[in-house]
């Protein structure tokens, strides 16, 4: 369960970040499903990138507060990654 929890957090926060971009960009040429998919993929990618930079939750020492920091990093990276990828996909879909 410890290895699945970060991925779930990244997916959920990525979807939330993607939906936030969809609301902020009113003229986004995207339906609900592309926003969900791009947010989830961006969330996992962003969470993995931020996790690798910060050390991530994998192998973190819970006594040193590492696990909580890893989960927060997963949430922040997931939200940011989902928002960024959704914005990129939206811009590409608008161009086409």
C-alpha atoms as a PDB file:
ATOM      1  CA  UNK A   1       0.000   0.000   0.000  1.00  0.00           C
ATOM      2  CA  UNK A   2       2.921   2.313   0.688  1.00  0.00           C
ATOM      3  CA  UNK A   3       4.038   2.181  -2.938  1.00  0.00           C
ATOM      4  CA  UNK A   4       0.530   2.734  -4.321  1.00  0.00           C
ATOM      5  CA  UNK A   5      -0.451   5.695  -2.119  1.00  0.00           C
ATOM      6  CA  UNK A   6       1.920   8.218  -3.757  1.00  0.00           C
ATOM      7  CA  UNK A   7       0.629   7.280  -7.210  1.00  0.00           C
ATOM      8  CA  UNK A   8      -2.996   7.658  -6.097  1.00  0.00           C
ATOM      9  CA  UNK A   9      -2.190  11.068  -4.603  1.00  0.00           C
ATOM     10  CA  UNK A  10      -0.429  12.132  -7.802  1.00  0.00           C
ATOM     11  CA  UNK A  11      -3.346  11.038  -9.990  1.00  0.00           C
ATOM     12  CA  UNK A  12      -5.997  12.727  -7.849  1.00  0.00           C
ATOM     13  CA  UNK A  13      -4.089  15.996  -7.474  1.00  0.00           C
ATOM     14  CA  UNK A  14      -3.161  15.901 -11.164  1.00  0.00           C
ATOM     15  CA  UNK A  15      -6.831  15.644 -12.104  1.00  0.00           C
ATOM     16  CA  UNK A  16      -7.607  18.516  -9.741  1.00  0.00           C
ATOM     17  CA  UNK A  17      -4.842  20.627 -11.293  1.00  0.00           C
ATOM     18  CA  UNK A  18      -6.080  19.817 -14.788  1.00  0.00           C
ATOM     19  CA  UNK A  19      -9.645  20.759 -13.894  1.00  0.00           C
ATOM     20  CA  UNK A  20      -8.428  24.019 -12.347  1.00  0.00           C
ATOM     21  CA  UNK A  21      -6.678  24.935 -15.598  1.00  0.00           C
ATOM     22  CA  UNK A  22      -9.818  24.023 -17.534  1.00  0.00           C
ATOM     23  CA  UNK A  23     -11.872  26.385 -15.371  1.00  0.00           C
ATOM     24  CA  UNK A  24      -9.263  29.157 -15.519  1.00  0.00           C
ATOM     25  CA  UNK A  25      -8.907  28.977 -19.295  1.00  0.00           C
ATOM     26  CA  UNK A  26     -12.472  29.479 -20.432  1.00  0.00           C
ATOM     27  CA  UNK A  27     -11.656  29.044 -24.128  1.00  0.00           C
ATOM     28  CA  UNK A  28      -9.915  25.702 -23.633  1.00  0.00           C
ATOM     29  CA  UNK A  29     -10.858  23.463 -26.520  1.00  0.00           C
ATOM     30  CA  UNK A  30     -11.160  20.397 -24.303  1.00  0.00           C
ATOM     31  CA  UNK A  31     -13.920  18.228 -23.019  1.00  0.00           C
ATOM     32  CA  UNK A  32     -14.014  16.667 -19.577  1.00  0.00           C
ATOM     33  CA  UNK A  33     -12.335  13.373 -20.524  1.00  0.00           C
ATOM     34  CA  UNK A  34      -9.195  14.921 -22.110  1.00  0.00           C
ATOM     35  CA  UNK A  35      -8.784  17.156 -19.049  1.00  0.00           C
ATOM     36  CA  UNK A  36      -9.044  14.162 -16.726  1.00  0.00           C
ATOM     37  CA  UNK A  37      -6.620  12.043 -18.751  1.00  0.00           C
ATOM     38  CA  UNK A  38      -4.025  14.777 -19.261  1.00  0.00           C
ATOM     39  CA  UNK A  39      -4.337  15.822 -15.610  1.00  0.00           C
ATOM     40  CA  UNK A  40      -3.797  12.263 -14.374  1.00  0.00           C
ATOM     41  CA  UNK A  41      -0.816  11.643 -16.662  1.00  0.00           C
ATOM     42  CA  UNK A  42       0.690  15.022 -15.830  1.00  0.00           C
ATOM     43  CA  UNK A  43       0.089  14.389 -12.145  1.00  0.00           C
ATOM     44  CA  UNK A  44       2.031  11.145 -12.141  1.00  0.00           C
ATOM     45  CA  UNK A  45       4.833  12.673 -14.221  1.00  0.00           C
ATOM     46  CA  UNK A  46       5.036  15.835 -12.125  1.00  0.00           C
ATOM     47  CA  UNK A  47       4.890  13.913  -8.867  1.00  0.00           C
ATOM     48  CA  UNK A  48       7.624  11.563 -10.037  1.00  0.00           C
ATOM     49  CA  UNK A  49       9.839  14.441 -11.136  1.00  0.00           C
ATOM     50  CA  UNK A  50       9.377  16.384  -7.922  1.00  0.00           C
ATOM     51  CA  UNK A  51       9.737  13.203  -5.894  1.00  0.00           C
ATOM     52  CA  UNK A  52      13.051  12.386  -7.552  1.00  0.00           C
ATOM     53  CA  UNK A  53      14.314  15.910  -6.930  1.00  0.00           C
ATOM     54  CA  UNK A  54      13.224  16.002  -3.281  1.00  0.00           C
ATOM     55  CA  UNK A  55      13.934  12.366  -2.490  1.00  0.00           C
ATOM     56  CA  UNK A  56      10.299  11.230  -2.631  1.00  0.00           C
ATOM     57  CA  UNK A  57       8.363   9.063  -0.215  1.00  0.00           C
ATOM     58  CA  UNK A  58      10.094   5.871  -1.327  1.00  0.00           C
ATOM     59  CA  UNK A  59      12.720   4.977   1.227  1.00  0.00           C
ATOM     60  CA  UNK A  60      11.967   8.059   3.316  1.00  0.00           C
ATOM     61  CA  UNK A  61      12.600   7.778   7.027  1.00  0.00           C
ATOM     62  CA  UNK A  62       9.225   8.258   8.790  1.00  0.00           C
ATOM     63  CA  UNK A  63      11.011   9.129  12.054  1.00  0.00           C
ATOM     64  CA  UNK A  64      12.632  12.100  10.331  1.00  0.00           C
ATOM     65  CA  UNK A  65       9.336  13.284   8.853  1.00  0.00           C
ATOM     66  CA  UNK A  66      10.362  12.081   5.399  1.00  0.00           C
ATOM     67  CA  UNK A  67       7.157  10.229   4.578  1.00  0.00           C
ATOM     68  CA  UNK A  68       4.940  13.248   5.218  1.00  0.00           C
ATOM     69  CA  UNK A  69       7.269  15.439   3.189  1.00  0.00           C
ATOM     70  CA  UNK A  70       7.168  12.862   0.400  1.00  0.00           C
ATOM     71  CA  UNK A  71       3.366  12.821   0.347  1.00  0.00           C
ATOM     72  CA  UNK A  72       3.214  16.618   0.302  1.00  0.00           C
ATOM     73  CA  UNK A  73       5.740  16.586  -2.541  1.00  0.00           C
ATOM     74  CA  UNK A  74       3.596  14.047  -4.382  1.00  0.00           C
ATOM     75  CA  UNK A  75       0.530  16.268  -3.957  1.00  0.00           C
ATOM     76  CA  UNK A  76       2.286  19.463  -5.048  1.00  0.00           C
ATOM     77  CA  UNK A  77       4.072  17.776  -7.942  1.00  0.00           C
ATOM     78  CA  UNK A  78       0.895  16.017  -9.020  1.00  0.00           C
ATOM     79  CA  UNK A  79      -1.183  19.187  -9.013  1.00  0.00           C
ATOM     80  CA  UNK A  80       1.449  21.212 -10.819  1.00  0.00           C
ATOM     81  CA  UNK A  81       2.184  18.465 -13.342  1.00  0.00           C
ATOM     82  CA  UNK A  82      -1.514  17.959 -14.071  1.00  0.00           C
ATOM     83  CA  UNK A  83      -2.067  21.673 -14.547  1.00  0.00           C
ATOM     84  CA  UNK A  84       0.956  22.109 -16.801  1.00  0.00           C
ATOM     85  CA  UNK A  85       0.222  19.119 -19.037  1.00  0.00           C
ATOM     86  CA  UNK A  86      -3.460  20.057 -19.324  1.00  0.00           C
ATOM     87  CA  UNK A  87      -2.496  23.592 -20.360  1.00  0.00           C
ATOM     88  CA  UNK A  88      -0.108  22.225 -22.989  1.00  0.00           C
ATOM     89  CA  UNK A  89      -2.680  19.771 -24.361  1.00  0.00           C
ATOM     90  CA  UNK A  90      -5.319  22.516 -24.381  1.00  0.00           C
ATOM     91  CA  UNK A  91      -3.041  24.831 -26.359  1.00  0.00           C
ATOM     92  CA  UNK A  92      -2.231  22.072 -28.852  1.00  0.00           C
ATOM     93  CA  UNK A  93      -5.894  21.148 -29.287  1.00  0.00           C
ATOM     94  CA  UNK A  94      -6.808  24.796 -29.795  1.00  0.00           C
ATOM     95  CA  UNK A  95      -4.176  25.134 -32.549  1.00  0.00           C
ATOM     96  CA  UNK A  96      -5.447  22.089 -34.432  1.00  0.00           C
END
